Amino acid sequence: MRIKVIFIGLLLLSTGCNQSTQQDSEQSSKADDTTSLDTGRRTENPFIYIPEDAFWEYQYDTIIHDFKPVKIKEVTTDSLTAESVESIVNNTWPNVQVRYQKISGDTLFIEIPESAVLTQQMGTAGAKQFLASTTYSFTELSNVRYVAFDFEEGDHAVPGVYSRRSFP
């Protein structure tokens, strides 16, 4: 009699567990069905960063518990031009495209015509990483100490003149 009770208990237990996994798989397939029907609204990560060409990154340092600029690739500054740095920045940050305008004195001027990703979608840390790495990249040019960013101000980034001292 005792063996029958244990057997029936185990049978009920295994049946109950099996039903919950079936319900979970049915719910996940329903969720997949609703997302596949909603093809008009695709969410894409605006923080796309492709570091292959980059020579500066703004990385989090676990020792000092803060971000700091880190040179990740050596470049010969003699071969750099404002246009080549512009191309590197645009390849590194495909969702935030910069346009080189001019150099006046020791200041390089760039604009970001479509700045919504930078100012509204990348978050404050993402925007700061972009501004820091872009500033450090352009100040690799021998005659550039400052980078003047021109774009529409938003929640996460502000236009202005930045230097390496702006990102200690």
Protein backbone atom coordinates (compact mmCIF):
# COMPACT_ATOMS: atom_id res chain seq x y z
CA MET A 1 0.00 0.00 0.00
CA ARG A 2 2.77 2.41 0.91
CA ILE A 3 4.55 1.78 -2.41
CA LYS A 4 1.33 2.55 -4.31
CA VAL A 5 0.97 5.92 -2.51
CA ILE A 6 4.59 6.86 -3.29
CA PHE A 7 4.17 5.79 -6.93
CA ILE A 8 0.96 7.81 -7.33
CA GLY A 9 2.62 10.83 -5.66
CA LEU A 10 5.59 10.68 -8.03
CA LEU A 11 3.25 10.28 -11.00
CA LEU A 12 1.26 13.37 -9.97
CA LEU A 13 4.43 15.34 -9.37
CA SER A 14 5.94 14.51 -12.76
CA THR A 15 2.63 15.26 -14.52
CA GLY A 16 2.37 18.64 -12.80
CA CYS A 17 5.93 19.60 -13.75
CA ASN A 18 5.36 18.55 -17.35
CA GLN A 19 2.30 20.79 -17.68
CA SER A 20 4.15 23.87 -16.43
CA THR A 21 6.89 23.43 -19.04
CA GLN A 22 4.25 22.99 -21.72
CA GLN A 23 2.53 26.19 -20.60
CA ASP A 24 5.86 28.07 -20.61
CA SER A 25 6.62 26.95 -24.15
CA GLU A 26 3.10 27.91 -25.28
CA GLN A 27 3.50 31.37 -23.73
CA SER A 28 6.90 31.92 -25.34
CA SER A 29 5.58 30.84 -28.74
CA LYS A 30 2.68 33.28 -28.33
CA ALA A 31 5.18 36.04 -27.50
CA ASP A 32 7.21 35.11 -30.58
CA ASP A 33 4.04 35.24 -32.69
CA THR A 34 3.18 38.76 -31.51
CA THR A 35 6.67 40.09 -32.13
CA SER A 36 6.80 38.54 -35.57
CA LEU A 37 3.49 40.21 -36.47
CA ASP A 38 4.80 43.60 -35.38
CA THR A 39 7.38 44.02 -38.12
CA GLY A 40 6.68 47.73 -38.53
CA ARG A 41 8.28 48.56 -35.17
CA ARG A 42 11.82 47.29 -34.95
CA THR A 43 13.94 48.51 -32.11
CA GLU A 44 17.59 48.89 -32.89
CA ASN A 45 20.40 49.58 -30.50
CA PRO A 46 21.50 53.18 -31.19
CA PHE A 47 24.79 52.62 -29.35
CA ILE A 48 26.66 50.94 -32.17
CA TYR A 49 30.41 51.11 -31.76
CA ILE A 50 32.84 49.45 -34.18
CA PRO A 51 36.36 49.72 -32.71
CA GLU A 52 38.40 48.27 -35.60
CA ASP A 53 39.62 51.68 -36.87
CA ALA A 54 39.45 53.60 -33.59
CA PHE A 55 42.60 54.70 -31.84
CA TRP A 56 41.01 56.16 -28.70
CA GLU A 57 38.34 54.77 -26.39
CA TYR A 58 36.76 56.13 -23.27
CA GLN A 59 36.86 53.07 -20.99
CA TYR A 60 35.71 52.39 -17.46
CA ASP A 61 38.63 51.88 -15.09
CA THR A 62 37.71 49.52 -12.26
CA ILE A 63 40.56 50.76 -10.09
CA ILE A 64 39.61 54.44 -10.09
CA HIS A 65 35.89 53.67 -10.60
CA ASP A 66 35.54 56.18 -13.40
CA PHE A 67 35.95 56.49 -17.16
CA LYS A 68 39.25 57.50 -18.68
CA PRO A 69 40.61 57.87 -22.21
CA VAL A 70 42.72 54.93 -23.39
CA LYS A 71 44.79 54.85 -26.56
CA ILE A 72 44.09 51.50 -28.20
CA LYS A 73 46.09 51.92 -31.40
CA GLU A 74 49.25 53.82 -32.24
CA VAL A 75 49.07 56.04 -35.29
CA THR A 76 51.63 58.12 -37.06
CA THR A 77 50.38 61.65 -36.71
CA ASP A 78 52.22 62.71 -39.87
CA SER A 79 49.85 60.61 -41.97
CA LEU A 80 46.67 61.90 -40.32
CA THR A 81 44.43 64.53 -41.85
CA ALA A 82 41.18 65.98 -40.57
CA GLU A 83 39.36 64.11 -43.32
CA SER A 84 40.94 60.77 -42.41
CA VAL A 85 40.06 61.22 -38.72
CA GLU A 86 36.52 62.16 -39.76
CA SER A 87 36.28 58.92 -41.72
CA ILE A 88 37.63 56.89 -38.78
CA VAL A 89 35.13 58.48 -36.38
CA ASN A 90 32.24 57.90 -38.79
CA ASN A 91 33.24 54.25 -39.27
CA THR A 92 33.60 53.77 -35.53
CA TRP A 93 30.26 55.41 -34.67
CA PRO A 94 27.98 54.66 -37.67
CA ASN A 95 24.85 56.11 -36.01
CA VAL A 96 26.50 59.46 -35.25
CA GLN A 97 28.08 60.98 -38.33
CA VAL A 98 30.35 64.01 -38.05
CA ARG A 99 31.25 66.50 -40.76
CA TYR A 100 34.58 68.24 -40.68
CA GLN A 101 34.12 71.98 -41.30
CA LYS A 102 37.45 73.77 -40.86
CA ILE A 103 40.46 74.42 -38.67
CA SER A 104 40.97 77.88 -37.24
CA GLY A 105 44.05 78.38 -35.11
CA ASP A 106 44.25 75.37 -32.79
CA THR A 107 40.52 74.58 -32.99
CA LEU A 108 38.91 72.08 -35.34
CA PHE A 109 35.21 72.61 -36.13
CA ILE A 110 32.84 69.73 -36.80
CA GLU A 111 29.09 69.44 -37.05
CA ILE A 112 26.70 66.60 -36.42
CA PRO A 113 23.68 67.25 -38.66
CA GLU A 114 21.62 64.33 -37.32
CA SER A 115 22.33 64.45 -33.59
CA ALA A 116 19.22 62.76 -32.16
CA VAL A 117 21.02 59.45 -31.57
CA LEU A 118 23.83 61.23 -29.72
CA THR A 119 21.68 63.58 -27.69
CA GLN A 120 18.57 61.48 -27.04
CA GLN A 121 19.23 57.77 -27.53
CA MET A 122 22.77 56.83 -26.46
CA GLY A 123 22.37 57.91 -22.85
CA THR A 124 24.71 60.21 -20.97
CA ALA A 125 27.55 57.67 -20.72
CA GLY A 126 27.31 56.77 -24.42
CA ALA A 127 27.31 60.43 -25.45
CA LYS A 128 30.30 61.12 -23.22
CA GLN A 129 32.16 58.15 -24.73
CA PHE A 130 31.48 59.51 -28.20
CA LEU A 131 32.52 63.08 -27.36
CA ALA A 132 35.68 61.95 -25.54
CA SER A 133 36.88 59.48 -28.17
CA THR A 134 36.10 61.93 -30.99
CA THR A 135 37.88 64.79 -29.20
CA TYR A 136 40.94 62.65 -28.50
CA SER A 137 40.97 61.36 -32.08
CA PHE A 138 40.88 64.82 -33.65
CA THR A 139 43.44 66.22 -31.22
CA GLU A 140 45.91 63.62 -32.53
CA LEU A 141 46.37 66.11 -35.37
CA SER A 142 49.53 68.09 -34.67
CA ASN A 143 47.95 71.55 -34.87
CA VAL A 144 44.63 70.78 -33.06
CA ARG A 145 44.12 71.27 -29.33
CA TYR A 146 40.36 71.92 -29.27
CA VAL A 147 37.34 70.46 -31.06
CA ALA A 148 34.23 72.61 -31.51
CA PHE A 149 31.10 70.46 -31.81
CA ASP A 150 28.06 71.96 -33.49
CA PHE A 151 24.80 70.05 -33.07
CA GLU A 152 21.35 70.48 -31.60
CA GLU A 153 21.53 70.25 -27.82
CA GLY A 154 19.70 67.38 -26.18
CA ASP A 155 19.25 65.59 -22.88
CA HIS A 156 22.57 63.73 -22.99
CA ALA A 157 25.00 65.95 -24.90
CA VAL A 158 25.72 69.64 -25.22
CA PRO A 159 27.52 71.30 -28.13
CA GLY A 160 30.61 73.33 -27.40
CA VAL A 161 34.38 73.38 -27.48
CA TYR A 162 36.08 70.35 -25.94
CA SER A 163 39.72 69.52 -25.31
CA ARG A 164 41.54 66.59 -23.75
CA ARG A 165 41.20 68.37 -20.42
CA SER A 166 37.42 68.09 -20.75
CA PHE A 167 37.75 64.33 -20.19
CA PRO A 168 40.33 63.71 -17.42
